[in-house]
Amino acid sequence: MPGLVLFDLDGTLVDRHLALSDAVASLCQANALAPDAELWLRAELADRANAADFVRLREVFDLEVSAARLWQEYVSLMAAAVTCPPEVLEGLARLRAAAWTIGIVTNGAGDIQRAKLATTGLADLVDGVAVSGDLEIRKPDLRLFDLAATRCGVNLAHGGWMVGDNPSGDIGGGHQAGLGTIWLRGRPWPDDLPAAHHVVDDVTDAITILLNETSE
């Protein structure tokens, strides 16, 4: 039966790394930043980004432009660069048509994650979103999963699924939340982490599993 399914954003629904490369290159070109500043940014933002990174960037390289302006430029550039494959958007639309409740639970700063959701069209296909910046906590903290379910208008206690690429944050967090889990393989799997319920190579494969469950 259809129920709740929570998706991770970066590395699951969208390719953050490709977008990051384009956004950083554009930001550095627009502000005439030195090559060492670009290398620094790529390293610092590899896993996540927030406004404080640009405060440090300004201090390290003694920049005149304000950190706030650099951050806002980066948010806009990142949102413009990130894309969600059409087949993923179509898959989510099929889940909605099959009466699934769809949420997104993601680590990151609220403004940049919501900008990505808006520009990719994902915002129109989900019932609720929980971003780690909302509570200053990060996956696998159970409170973030609970917030996602609440914003979808359902109770986490009723169960559901979590789909993501991060073993500890997504799959470990999903286990703690009492959810079935679908892992997008790619990252190293920790030895002490229980196995995911399903392992796939692409998020569309996860969507197919959920749709097949609907029809059973």
N, C-alpha and C. Protein backbone atom coordinates (compact mmCIF):
# COMPACT_ATOMS: atom_id res chain seq x y z
N MET A 1 0.85 -1.20 0.00
CA MET A 1 0.00 0.00 0.00
C MET A 1 0.88 1.25 0.00
N PRO A 2 0.43 2.29 -0.71
CA PRO A 2 1.20 3.55 -0.70
C PRO A 2 1.27 4.14 0.69
N GLY A 3 2.36 4.81 0.98
CA GLY A 3 2.54 5.47 2.26
C GLY A 3 3.51 6.62 2.10
N LEU A 4 4.37 6.79 3.06
CA LEU A 4 5.36 7.87 3.05
C LEU A 4 6.67 7.39 2.44
N VAL A 5 7.25 8.19 1.58
CA VAL A 5 8.61 7.94 1.12
C VAL A 5 9.39 9.25 1.21
N LEU A 6 10.52 9.18 1.89
CA LEU A 6 11.41 10.34 2.03
C LEU A 6 12.63 10.13 1.13
N PHE A 7 12.99 11.18 0.42
CA PHE A 7 14.17 11.15 -0.44
C PHE A 7 15.22 12.13 0.06
N ASP A 8 16.47 11.71 -0.02
CA ASP A 8 17.59 12.63 0.10
C ASP A 8 17.61 13.49 -1.16
N LEU A 9 18.30 14.65 -1.10
CA LEU A 9 18.36 15.53 -2.27
C LEU A 9 19.68 15.37 -3.03
N ASP A 10 20.78 15.85 -2.45
CA ASP A 10 22.07 15.85 -3.13
C ASP A 10 22.63 14.45 -3.28
N GLY A 11 22.97 14.07 -4.50
CA GLY A 11 23.50 12.74 -4.74
C GLY A 11 22.43 11.69 -4.92
N THR A 12 21.18 12.08 -4.74
CA THR A 12 20.06 11.15 -4.90
C THR A 12 19.12 11.64 -5.99
N LEU A 13 18.49 12.78 -5.75
CA LEU A 13 17.59 13.35 -6.76
C LEU A 13 18.31 14.29 -7.72
N VAL A 14 19.39 14.90 -7.25
CA VAL A 14 20.16 15.81 -8.11
C VAL A 14 21.64 15.51 -7.99
N ASP A 15 22.41 15.90 -9.01
CA ASP A 15 23.86 15.73 -9.03
C ASP A 15 24.50 17.01 -8.50
N ARG A 16 24.82 17.03 -7.22
CA ARG A 16 25.39 18.22 -6.61
C ARG A 16 26.80 18.49 -7.11
N HIS A 17 27.60 17.46 -7.30
CA HIS A 17 29.01 17.65 -7.62
C HIS A 17 29.21 18.36 -8.95
N LEU A 18 28.45 17.99 -9.96
CA LEU A 18 28.55 18.64 -11.25
C LEU A 18 28.13 20.09 -11.16
N ALA A 19 27.03 20.34 -10.46
CA ALA A 19 26.54 21.71 -10.29
C ALA A 19 27.54 22.55 -9.49
N LEU A 20 28.16 21.94 -8.48
CA LEU A 20 29.14 22.65 -7.66
C LEU A 20 30.30 23.14 -8.51
N SER A 21 30.80 22.28 -9.38
CA SER A 21 31.93 22.65 -10.23
C SER A 21 31.58 23.86 -11.10
N ASP A 22 30.40 23.83 -11.71
CA ASP A 22 29.98 24.95 -12.56
C ASP A 22 29.77 26.22 -11.76
N ALA A 23 29.14 26.11 -10.59
CA ALA A 23 28.83 27.28 -9.78
C ALA A 23 30.08 27.96 -9.25
N VAL A 24 31.03 27.16 -8.76
CA VAL A 24 32.28 27.73 -8.23
C VAL A 24 33.07 28.40 -9.33
N ALA A 25 33.15 27.78 -10.50
CA ALA A 25 33.88 28.37 -11.62
C ALA A 25 33.26 29.71 -12.01
N SER A 26 31.94 29.77 -12.08
CA SER A 26 31.26 31.01 -12.46
C SER A 26 31.44 32.09 -11.40
N LEU A 27 31.36 31.70 -10.13
CA LEU A 27 31.52 32.66 -9.04
C LEU A 27 32.91 33.28 -9.06
N CYS A 28 33.91 32.45 -9.23
CA CYS A 28 35.29 32.93 -9.22
C CYS A 28 35.58 33.81 -10.42
N GLN A 29 35.03 33.45 -11.56
CA GLN A 29 35.22 34.27 -12.76
C GLN A 29 34.54 35.62 -12.60
N ALA A 30 33.32 35.62 -12.09
CA ALA A 30 32.56 36.88 -11.95
C ALA A 30 33.22 37.84 -10.97
N ASN A 31 33.91 37.30 -9.96
CA ASN A 31 34.53 38.13 -8.94
C ASN A 31 36.04 38.22 -9.07
N ALA A 32 36.57 37.72 -10.19
CA ALA A 32 38.01 37.77 -10.48
C ALA A 32 38.83 37.21 -9.31
N LEU A 33 38.37 36.06 -8.77
CA LEU A 33 39.10 35.44 -7.66
C LEU A 33 40.31 34.67 -8.20
N ALA A 34 41.36 34.65 -7.43
CA ALA A 34 42.60 33.99 -7.83
C ALA A 34 42.40 32.47 -7.88
N PRO A 35 43.23 31.77 -8.67
CA PRO A 35 43.12 30.31 -8.76
C PRO A 35 43.21 29.61 -7.42
N ASP A 36 44.04 30.12 -6.50
CA ASP A 36 44.14 29.46 -5.19
C ASP A 36 42.86 29.63 -4.39
N ALA A 37 42.14 30.71 -4.59
CA ALA A 37 40.85 30.90 -3.93
C ALA A 37 39.82 29.91 -4.47
N GLU A 38 39.88 29.68 -5.78
CA GLU A 38 38.96 28.70 -6.38
C GLU A 38 39.24 27.30 -5.86
N LEU A 39 40.51 26.94 -5.77
CA LEU A 39 40.88 25.62 -5.22
C LEU A 39 40.42 25.48 -3.78
N TRP A 40 40.57 26.55 -3.00
CA TRP A 40 40.15 26.55 -1.61
C TRP A 40 38.64 26.32 -1.52
N LEU A 41 37.89 27.03 -2.35
CA LEU A 41 36.44 26.90 -2.34
C LEU A 41 36.01 25.48 -2.71
N ARG A 42 36.62 24.92 -3.74
CA ARG A 42 36.23 23.58 -4.16
C ARG A 42 36.45 22.56 -3.05
N ALA A 43 37.54 22.74 -2.30
CA ALA A 43 37.82 21.83 -1.19
C ALA A 43 36.85 22.03 -0.03
N GLU A 44 36.60 23.29 0.32
CA GLU A 44 35.74 23.59 1.47
C GLU A 44 34.28 23.21 1.23
N LEU A 45 33.83 23.34 -0.03
CA LEU A 45 32.42 23.12 -0.33
C LEU A 45 32.15 21.72 -0.85
N ALA A 46 33.16 20.85 -0.83
CA ALA A 46 33.02 19.52 -1.44
C ALA A 46 31.85 18.73 -0.87
N ASP A 47 31.64 18.79 0.44
CA ASP A 47 30.58 18.01 1.07
C ASP A 47 29.34 18.83 1.42
N ARG A 48 29.54 20.10 1.74
CA ARG A 48 28.41 20.96 2.09
C ARG A 48 28.84 22.42 2.00
N ALA A 49 27.87 23.30 2.00
CA ALA A 49 28.16 24.73 1.91
C ALA A 49 27.19 25.52 2.76
N ASN A 50 27.69 26.54 3.42
CA ASN A 50 26.82 27.48 4.12
C ASN A 50 27.47 28.86 4.14
N ALA A 51 26.77 29.84 4.64
CA ALA A 51 27.24 31.22 4.58
C ALA A 51 28.57 31.42 5.29
N ALA A 52 28.82 30.64 6.34
CA ALA A 52 30.06 30.79 7.10
C ALA A 52 31.29 30.48 6.25
N ASP A 53 31.14 29.61 5.25
CA ASP A 53 32.27 29.30 4.36
C ASP A 53 32.76 30.54 3.64
N PHE A 54 31.84 31.42 3.30
CA PHE A 54 32.21 32.60 2.54
C PHE A 54 32.75 33.71 3.43
N VAL A 55 32.41 33.66 4.70
CA VAL A 55 33.06 34.54 5.68
C VAL A 55 34.53 34.17 5.78
N ARG A 56 34.80 32.87 5.86
CA ARG A 56 36.20 32.41 5.93
C ARG A 56 36.94 32.69 4.63
N LEU A 57 36.27 32.51 3.50
CA LEU A 57 36.90 32.80 2.20
C LEU A 57 37.36 34.25 2.14
N ARG A 58 36.49 35.14 2.59
CA ARG A 58 36.82 36.58 2.55
C ARG A 58 38.00 36.89 3.46
N GLU A 59 38.03 36.22 4.62
CA GLU A 59 39.12 36.47 5.56
C GLU A 59 40.44 35.88 5.06
N VAL A 60 40.41 34.67 4.57
CA VAL A 60 41.63 33.99 4.13
C VAL A 60 42.30 34.70 2.97
N PHE A 61 41.47 35.21 2.04
CA PHE A 61 42.03 35.82 0.84
C PHE A 61 41.89 37.35 0.81
N ASP A 62 41.48 37.92 1.96
CA ASP A 62 41.42 39.38 2.13
C ASP A 62 40.63 40.04 1.00
N LEU A 63 39.42 39.55 0.77
CA LEU A 63 38.60 40.05 -0.32
C LEU A 63 37.83 41.30 0.10
N GLU A 64 37.58 42.18 -0.86
CA GLU A 64 36.80 43.38 -0.57
C GLU A 64 35.29 43.11 -0.64
N VAL A 65 34.87 42.24 -1.53
CA VAL A 65 33.45 41.94 -1.67
C VAL A 65 32.94 41.30 -0.38
N SER A 66 31.69 41.61 -0.02
CA SER A 66 31.15 41.10 1.24
C SER A 66 30.88 39.61 1.17
N ALA A 67 30.98 38.96 2.32
CA ALA A 67 30.70 37.53 2.40
C ALA A 67 29.23 37.25 2.07
N ALA A 68 28.35 38.14 2.50
CA ALA A 68 26.92 37.96 2.25
C ALA A 68 26.63 37.98 0.75
N ARG A 69 27.29 38.88 0.02
CA ARG A 69 27.06 38.95 -1.42
C ARG A 69 27.61 37.71 -2.12
N LEU A 70 28.78 37.25 -1.70
CA LEU A 70 29.35 36.05 -2.29
C LEU A 70 28.45 34.84 -2.06
N TRP A 71 27.91 34.73 -0.85
CA TRP A 71 27.02 33.62 -0.54
C TRP A 71 25.77 33.67 -1.41
N GLN A 72 25.15 34.84 -1.53
CA GLN A 72 23.94 34.95 -2.33
C GLN A 72 24.21 34.66 -3.80
N GLU A 73 25.36 35.10 -4.28
CA GLU A 73 25.74 34.78 -5.66
C GLU A 73 25.90 33.27 -5.83
N TYR A 74 26.54 32.65 -4.85
CA TYR A 74 26.74 31.20 -4.93
C TYR A 74 25.40 30.47 -4.90
N VAL A 75 24.49 30.86 -4.04
CA VAL A 75 23.17 30.24 -3.96
C VAL A 75 22.47 30.32 -5.31
N SER A 76 22.50 31.50 -5.93
CA SER A 76 21.84 31.69 -7.22
C SER A 76 22.49 30.85 -8.32
N LEU A 77 23.83 30.84 -8.32
CA LEU A 77 24.56 30.08 -9.34
C LEU A 77 24.34 28.58 -9.16
N MET A 78 24.34 28.13 -7.92
CA MET A 78 24.15 26.71 -7.64
C MET A 78 22.74 26.27 -8.05
N ALA A 79 21.76 27.09 -7.73
CA ALA A 79 20.39 26.77 -8.08
C ALA A 79 20.21 26.71 -9.59
N ALA A 80 20.91 27.60 -10.30
CA ALA A 80 20.81 27.63 -11.76
C ALA A 80 21.53 26.44 -12.39
N ALA A 81 22.58 25.96 -11.73
CA ALA A 81 23.40 24.89 -12.31
C ALA A 81 22.84 23.49 -12.06
N VAL A 82 22.14 23.31 -10.94
CA VAL A 82 21.68 21.97 -10.58
C VAL A 82 20.47 21.58 -11.42
N THR A 83 20.41 20.32 -11.80
CA THR A 83 19.28 19.82 -12.58
C THR A 83 18.80 18.49 -12.00
N CYS A 84 17.56 18.18 -12.27
CA CYS A 84 16.99 16.88 -11.91
C CYS A 84 16.60 16.19 -13.21
N PRO A 85 17.10 14.99 -13.47
CA PRO A 85 16.80 14.31 -14.72
C PRO A 85 15.29 14.18 -14.96
N PRO A 86 14.85 14.35 -16.19
CA PRO A 86 13.41 14.26 -16.50
C PRO A 86 12.79 12.95 -16.05
N GLU A 87 13.57 11.85 -16.15
CA GLU A 87 13.01 10.55 -15.76
C GLU A 87 12.77 10.47 -14.26
N VAL A 88 13.53 11.24 -13.47
CA VAL A 88 13.31 11.28 -12.03
C VAL A 88 12.05 12.08 -11.72
N LEU A 89 11.91 13.22 -12.37
CA LEU A 89 10.70 14.03 -12.18
C LEU A 89 9.46 13.22 -12.58
N GLU A 90 9.56 12.50 -13.68
CA GLU A 90 8.44 11.67 -14.14
C GLU A 90 8.13 10.57 -13.13
N GLY A 91 9.19 9.98 -12.57
CA GLY A 91 9.00 8.93 -11.58
C GLY A 91 8.30 9.43 -10.33
N LEU A 92 8.70 10.61 -9.87
CA LEU A 92 8.04 11.19 -8.70
C LEU A 92 6.57 11.51 -9.00
N ALA A 93 6.30 11.98 -10.20
CA ALA A 93 4.91 12.25 -10.57
C ALA A 93 4.09 10.97 -10.58
N ARG A 94 4.70 9.87 -11.00
CA ARG A 94 4.01 8.57 -10.98
C ARG A 94 3.75 8.12 -9.55
N LEU A 95 4.70 8.37 -8.66
CA LEU A 95 4.48 8.04 -7.24
C LEU A 95 3.31 8.83 -6.67
N ARG A 96 3.24 10.10 -6.99
CA ARG A 96 2.13 10.93 -6.51
C ARG A 96 0.81 10.40 -7.05
N ALA A 97 0.82 10.04 -8.34
CA ALA A 97 -0.41 9.52 -8.95
C ALA A 97 -0.84 8.22 -8.31
N ALA A 98 0.14 7.48 -7.77
CA ALA A 98 -0.17 6.22 -7.10
C ALA A 98 -0.47 6.42 -5.61
N ALA A 99 -0.65 7.67 -5.20
CA ALA A 99 -1.08 8.04 -3.84
C ALA A 99 0.03 7.96 -2.80
N TRP A 100 1.30 7.97 -3.22
CA TRP A 100 2.38 8.06 -2.25
C TRP A 100 2.50 9.48 -1.72
N THR A 101 2.85 9.59 -0.45
CA THR A 101 3.20 10.88 0.16
C THR A 101 4.71 11.02 0.06
N ILE A 102 5.18 12.11 -0.55
CA ILE A 102 6.59 12.26 -0.87
C ILE A 102 7.20 13.42 -0.08
N GLY A 103 8.29 13.14 0.61
CA GLY A 103 9.01 14.18 1.33
C GLY A 103 10.48 14.18 0.96
N ILE A 104 11.14 15.28 1.26
CA ILE A 104 12.59 15.37 1.08
C ILE A 104 13.20 15.72 2.42
N VAL A 105 14.21 14.97 2.81
CA VAL A 105 14.95 15.24 4.05
C VAL A 105 16.42 15.38 3.66
N THR A 106 16.98 16.57 3.85
CA THR A 106 18.30 16.87 3.33
C THR A 106 19.13 17.68 4.30
N ASN A 107 20.41 17.38 4.34
CA ASN A 107 21.34 18.23 5.07
C ASN A 107 21.69 19.43 4.21
N GLY A 108 21.99 20.55 4.85
CA GLY A 108 22.37 21.75 4.11
C GLY A 108 21.69 22.99 4.65
N ALA A 109 22.09 24.12 4.10
CA ALA A 109 21.48 25.40 4.46
C ALA A 109 20.11 25.52 3.79
N GLY A 110 19.15 26.06 4.52
CA GLY A 110 17.79 26.12 4.02
C GLY A 110 17.64 26.89 2.73
N ASP A 111 18.31 28.05 2.61
CA ASP A 111 18.10 28.88 1.43
C ASP A 111 18.61 28.21 0.17
N ILE A 112 19.76 27.57 0.24
CA ILE A 112 20.30 26.95 -0.97
C ILE A 112 19.55 25.68 -1.35
N GLN A 113 19.15 24.89 -0.37
CA GLN A 113 18.42 23.66 -0.69
C GLN A 113 17.04 23.97 -1.27
N ARG A 114 16.37 24.96 -0.75
CA ARG A 114 15.05 25.32 -1.28
C ARG A 114 15.16 25.97 -2.66
N ALA A 115 16.26 26.67 -2.90
CA ALA A 115 16.48 27.24 -4.23
C ALA A 115 16.65 26.12 -5.25
N LYS A 116 17.36 25.07 -4.88
CA LYS A 116 17.52 23.92 -5.77
C LYS A 116 16.16 23.27 -6.06
N LEU A 117 15.36 23.11 -5.02
CA LEU A 117 14.05 22.47 -5.19
C LEU A 117 13.16 23.28 -6.12
N ALA A 118 13.24 24.60 -6.01
CA ALA A 118 12.39 25.47 -6.83
C ALA A 118 12.80 25.43 -8.29
N THR A 119 14.10 25.56 -8.55
CA THR A 119 14.55 25.65 -9.95
C THR A 119 14.48 24.31 -10.69
N THR A 120 14.58 23.20 -9.98
CA THR A 120 14.52 21.90 -10.63
C THR A 120 13.10 21.42 -10.87
N GLY A 121 12.12 22.05 -10.22
CA GLY A 121 10.74 21.59 -10.32
C GLY A 121 10.37 20.57 -9.26
N LEU A 122 11.34 20.19 -8.43
CA LEU A 122 11.05 19.20 -7.39
C LEU A 122 10.06 19.72 -6.35
N ALA A 123 10.09 21.02 -6.10
CA ALA A 123 9.20 21.60 -5.08
C ALA A 123 7.73 21.34 -5.39
N ASP A 124 7.41 21.21 -6.67
CA ASP A 124 6.02 21.00 -7.06
C ASP A 124 5.59 19.54 -6.96
N LEU A 125 6.54 18.66 -6.67
CA LEU A 125 6.24 17.22 -6.69
C LEU A 125 6.32 16.58 -5.31
N VAL A 126 6.57 17.38 -4.27
CA VAL A 126 6.71 16.82 -2.93
C VAL A 126 5.70 17.46 -1.97
N ASP A 127 5.41 16.73 -0.90
CA ASP A 127 4.42 17.20 0.07
C ASP A 127 5.04 17.96 1.24
N GLY A 128 6.34 17.74 1.48
CA GLY A 128 7.00 18.41 2.59
C GLY A 128 8.50 18.29 2.48
N VAL A 129 9.19 19.26 3.08
CA VAL A 129 10.66 19.30 3.02
C VAL A 129 11.20 19.62 4.41
N ALA A 130 12.24 18.89 4.82
CA ALA A 130 12.96 19.20 6.05
C ALA A 130 14.43 19.35 5.71
N VAL A 131 14.99 20.51 6.04
CA VAL A 131 16.40 20.81 5.76
C VAL A 131 17.12 20.93 7.10
N SER A 132 18.33 20.40 7.16
CA SER A 132 19.04 20.38 8.44
C SER A 132 19.20 21.78 9.03
N GLY A 133 19.34 22.80 8.15
CA GLY A 133 19.47 24.16 8.64
C GLY A 133 18.24 24.66 9.38
N ASP A 134 17.08 23.98 9.17
CA ASP A 134 15.85 24.40 9.87
C ASP A 134 15.98 24.24 11.38
N LEU A 135 16.70 23.18 11.79
CA LEU A 135 16.80 22.87 13.22
C LEU A 135 18.24 22.87 13.73
N GLU A 136 19.18 23.19 12.83
CA GLU A 136 20.61 23.13 13.18
C GLU A 136 20.99 21.72 13.63
N ILE A 137 20.38 20.73 13.00
CA ILE A 137 20.75 19.33 13.22
C ILE A 137 20.93 18.70 11.85
N ARG A 138 21.57 17.53 11.81
CA ARG A 138 21.83 16.88 10.55
C ARG A 138 21.43 15.41 10.61
N LYS A 139 21.11 14.86 9.46
CA LYS A 139 20.91 13.42 9.40
C LYS A 139 22.19 12.75 9.90
N PRO A 140 22.10 11.69 10.67
CA PRO A 140 20.94 10.81 10.87
C PRO A 140 20.05 11.15 12.08
N ASP A 141 20.08 12.37 12.57
CA ASP A 141 19.27 12.75 13.73
C ASP A 141 17.79 12.46 13.45
N LEU A 142 17.17 11.70 14.34
CA LEU A 142 15.78 11.29 14.16
C LEU A 142 14.84 12.49 14.04
N ARG A 143 15.20 13.60 14.70
CA ARG A 143 14.30 14.77 14.69
C ARG A 143 14.10 15.33 13.29
N LEU A 144 15.10 15.19 12.43
CA LEU A 144 14.96 15.71 11.07
C LEU A 144 13.99 14.85 10.26
N PHE A 145 14.04 13.55 10.47
CA PHE A 145 13.09 12.66 9.80
C PHE A 145 11.67 12.90 10.31
N ASP A 146 11.54 13.13 11.60
CA ASP A 146 10.24 13.40 12.19
C ASP A 146 9.66 14.70 11.64
N LEU A 147 10.53 15.72 11.49
CA LEU A 147 10.08 16.99 10.93
C LEU A 147 9.61 16.81 9.49
N ALA A 148 10.34 16.01 8.72
CA ALA A 148 9.95 15.77 7.33
C ALA A 148 8.57 15.13 7.26
N ALA A 149 8.34 14.12 8.09
CA ALA A 149 7.04 13.46 8.09
C ALA A 149 5.93 14.42 8.49
N THR A 150 6.19 15.22 9.53
CA THR A 150 5.19 16.19 9.99
C THR A 150 4.84 17.18 8.90
N ARG A 151 5.86 17.65 8.18
CA ARG A 151 5.62 18.61 7.11
C ARG A 151 4.90 17.99 5.92
N CYS A 152 4.94 16.66 5.85
CA CYS A 152 4.17 15.95 4.83
C CYS A 152 2.74 15.66 5.30
N GLY A 153 2.47 16.00 6.56
CA GLY A 153 1.14 15.78 7.10
C GLY A 153 0.87 14.37 7.57
N VAL A 154 1.95 13.60 7.86
CA VAL A 154 1.79 12.23 8.32
C VAL A 154 2.62 12.02 9.58
N ASN A 155 2.41 10.85 10.19
CA ASN A 155 3.13 10.50 11.41
C ASN A 155 4.22 9.50 11.08
N LEU A 156 5.43 9.79 11.50
CA LEU A 156 6.55 8.90 11.23
C LEU A 156 6.31 7.51 11.81
N ALA A 157 5.52 7.42 12.87
CA ALA A 157 5.25 6.14 13.51
C ALA A 157 4.50 5.17 12.58
N HIS A 158 3.89 5.71 11.52
CA HIS A 158 3.15 4.86 10.60
C HIS A 158 4.06 4.18 9.57
N GLY A 159 5.35 4.50 9.64
CA GLY A 159 6.30 3.83 8.77
C GLY A 159 6.44 4.49 7.40
N GLY A 160 7.15 3.80 6.51
CA GLY A 160 7.39 4.33 5.18
C GLY A 160 8.77 3.91 4.70
N TRP A 161 9.34 4.73 3.80
CA TRP A 161 10.63 4.41 3.19
C TRP A 161 11.54 5.63 3.19
N MET A 162 12.85 5.35 3.20
CA MET A 162 13.88 6.38 3.03
C MET A 162 14.78 5.96 1.89
N VAL A 163 15.01 6.88 0.95
CA VAL A 163 15.86 6.61 -0.23
C VAL A 163 17.01 7.61 -0.23
N GLY A 164 18.25 7.12 -0.27
CA GLY A 164 19.38 8.04 -0.28
C GLY A 164 20.70 7.36 -0.58
N ASP A 165 21.74 8.17 -0.76
CA ASP A 165 23.05 7.64 -1.13
C ASP A 165 24.03 7.59 0.04
N ASN A 166 23.71 8.24 1.14
CA ASN A 166 24.64 8.29 2.27
C ASN A 166 24.34 7.14 3.23
N PRO A 167 25.28 6.22 3.41
CA PRO A 167 25.00 5.06 4.27
C PRO A 167 24.58 5.44 5.68
N SER A 168 25.36 6.28 6.34
CA SER A 168 25.06 6.61 7.74
C SER A 168 23.90 7.59 7.85
N GLY A 169 23.95 8.68 7.09
CA GLY A 169 22.91 9.71 7.20
C GLY A 169 21.55 9.24 6.73
N ASP A 170 21.51 8.65 5.54
CA ASP A 170 20.22 8.28 4.95
C ASP A 170 19.75 6.90 5.40
N ILE A 171 20.61 5.90 5.25
CA ILE A 171 20.18 4.53 5.57
C ILE A 171 20.20 4.30 7.07
N GLY A 172 21.29 4.72 7.74
CA GLY A 172 21.32 4.60 9.19
C GLY A 172 20.21 5.41 9.84
N GLY A 173 20.02 6.64 9.35
CA GLY A 173 18.95 7.47 9.88
C GLY A 173 17.58 6.89 9.61
N GLY A 174 17.41 6.32 8.43
CA GLY A 174 16.13 5.69 8.09
C GLY A 174 15.83 4.51 8.98
N HIS A 175 16.86 3.70 9.26
CA HIS A 175 16.68 2.58 10.18
C HIS A 175 16.20 3.07 11.55
N GLN A 176 16.88 4.11 12.07
CA GLN A 176 16.51 4.65 13.38
C GLN A 176 15.07 5.18 13.39
N ALA A 177 14.64 5.68 12.23
CA ALA A 177 13.29 6.24 12.14
C ALA A 177 12.23 5.16 11.90
N GLY A 178 12.66 3.91 11.81
CA GLY A 178 11.71 2.82 11.61
C GLY A 178 11.22 2.70 10.18
N LEU A 179 12.01 3.20 9.22
CA LEU A 179 11.62 3.19 7.82
C LEU A 179 12.31 2.07 7.05
N GLY A 180 11.67 1.58 6.01
CA GLY A 180 12.36 0.74 5.05
C GLY A 180 13.38 1.60 4.33
N THR A 181 14.46 1.00 3.86
CA THR A 181 15.54 1.80 3.29
C THR A 181 15.95 1.28 1.92
N ILE A 182 16.25 2.25 1.03
CA ILE A 182 16.77 1.93 -0.30
C ILE A 182 18.02 2.76 -0.51
N TRP A 183 19.13 2.06 -0.70
CA TRP A 183 20.43 2.74 -0.82
C TRP A 183 20.88 2.82 -2.26
N LEU A 184 21.30 4.03 -2.69
CA LEU A 184 21.95 4.21 -3.98
C LEU A 184 23.43 3.97 -3.78
N ARG A 185 23.92 2.85 -4.26
CA ARG A 185 25.30 2.47 -4.00
C ARG A 185 26.28 3.47 -4.61
N GLY A 186 27.45 3.53 -4.00
CA GLY A 186 28.50 4.42 -4.49
C GLY A 186 29.51 4.75 -3.41
N ARG A 187 29.03 5.16 -2.25
CA ARG A 187 29.92 5.47 -1.14
C ARG A 187 30.32 4.20 -0.40
N PRO A 188 31.47 4.22 0.27
CA PRO A 188 31.87 3.05 1.08
C PRO A 188 30.82 2.75 2.15
N TRP A 189 30.58 1.48 2.38
CA TRP A 189 29.58 1.06 3.37
C TRP A 189 30.28 0.76 4.70
N PRO A 190 29.88 1.40 5.80
CA PRO A 190 30.50 1.14 7.10
C PRO A 190 30.25 -0.30 7.56
N ASP A 191 31.26 -0.90 8.17
CA ASP A 191 31.16 -2.30 8.60
C ASP A 191 30.08 -2.51 9.66
N ASP A 192 29.83 -1.48 10.48
CA ASP A 192 28.91 -1.66 11.61
C ASP A 192 27.48 -1.25 11.29
N LEU A 193 27.19 -0.94 10.04
CA LEU A 193 25.86 -0.47 9.68
C LEU A 193 25.01 -1.60 9.13
N PRO A 194 23.78 -1.79 9.66
CA PRO A 194 22.91 -2.83 9.11
C PRO A 194 22.64 -2.58 7.63
N ALA A 195 22.44 -3.65 6.88
CA ALA A 195 22.21 -3.55 5.44
C ALA A 195 20.90 -2.82 5.14
N ALA A 196 20.90 -2.13 4.00
CA ALA A 196 19.66 -1.53 3.52
C ALA A 196 18.71 -2.62 3.05
N HIS A 197 17.42 -2.31 2.98
CA HIS A 197 16.45 -3.30 2.53
C HIS A 197 16.58 -3.56 1.03
N HIS A 198 16.97 -2.53 0.28
CA HIS A 198 17.22 -2.68 -1.15
C HIS A 198 18.45 -1.86 -1.51
N VAL A 199 19.18 -2.30 -2.52
CA VAL A 199 20.35 -1.57 -3.03
C VAL A 199 20.16 -1.38 -4.52
N VAL A 200 20.30 -0.15 -5.00
CA VAL A 200 20.07 0.16 -6.42
C VAL A 200 21.21 1.03 -6.95
N ASP A 201 21.25 1.16 -8.27
CA ASP A 201 22.27 2.00 -8.91
C ASP A 201 21.76 3.39 -9.25
N ASP A 202 20.46 3.57 -9.28
CA ASP A 202 19.88 4.85 -9.68
C ASP A 202 18.56 5.05 -8.94
N VAL A 203 18.23 6.31 -8.71
CA VAL A 203 17.01 6.59 -7.95
C VAL A 203 15.77 6.13 -8.71
N THR A 204 15.83 6.07 -10.04
CA THR A 204 14.67 5.57 -10.79
C THR A 204 14.41 4.10 -10.47
N ASP A 205 15.47 3.35 -10.16
CA ASP A 205 15.29 1.96 -9.75
C ASP A 205 14.55 1.88 -8.41
N ALA A 206 14.86 2.83 -7.51
CA ALA A 206 14.17 2.88 -6.22
C ALA A 206 12.69 3.20 -6.42
N ILE A 207 12.42 4.12 -7.33
CA ILE A 207 11.03 4.49 -7.61
C ILE A 207 10.27 3.28 -8.17
N THR A 208 10.93 2.51 -9.02
CA THR A 208 10.30 1.31 -9.58
C THR A 208 9.94 0.31 -8.49
N ILE A 209 10.84 0.14 -7.52
CA ILE A 209 10.58 -0.76 -6.39
C ILE A 209 9.33 -0.31 -5.64
N LEU A 210 9.23 0.99 -5.39
CA LEU A 210 8.08 1.52 -4.66
C LEU A 210 6.80 1.37 -5.45
N LEU A 211 6.86 1.62 -6.75
CA LEU A 211 5.67 1.47 -7.59
C LEU A 211 5.23 0.01 -7.67
N ASN A 212 6.19 -0.90 -7.70
CA ASN A 212 5.85 -2.32 -7.70
C ASN A 212 5.19 -2.72 -6.39
N GLU A 213 5.64 -2.12 -5.29
CA GLU A 213 5.02 -2.40 -3.99
C GLU A 213 3.57 -1.93 -3.97
N THR A 214 3.32 -0.80 -4.66
CA THR A 214 1.97 -0.24 -4.74
C THR A 214 1.02 -1.23 -5.42
N SER A 215 1.54 -1.89 -6.44
CA SER A 215 0.67 -2.77 -7.24
C SER A 215 0.48 -4.14 -6.65
N GLU A 216 1.25 -4.46 -5.61
CA GLU A 216 1.14 -5.80 -5.01
C GLU A 216 -0.12 -5.93 -4.17
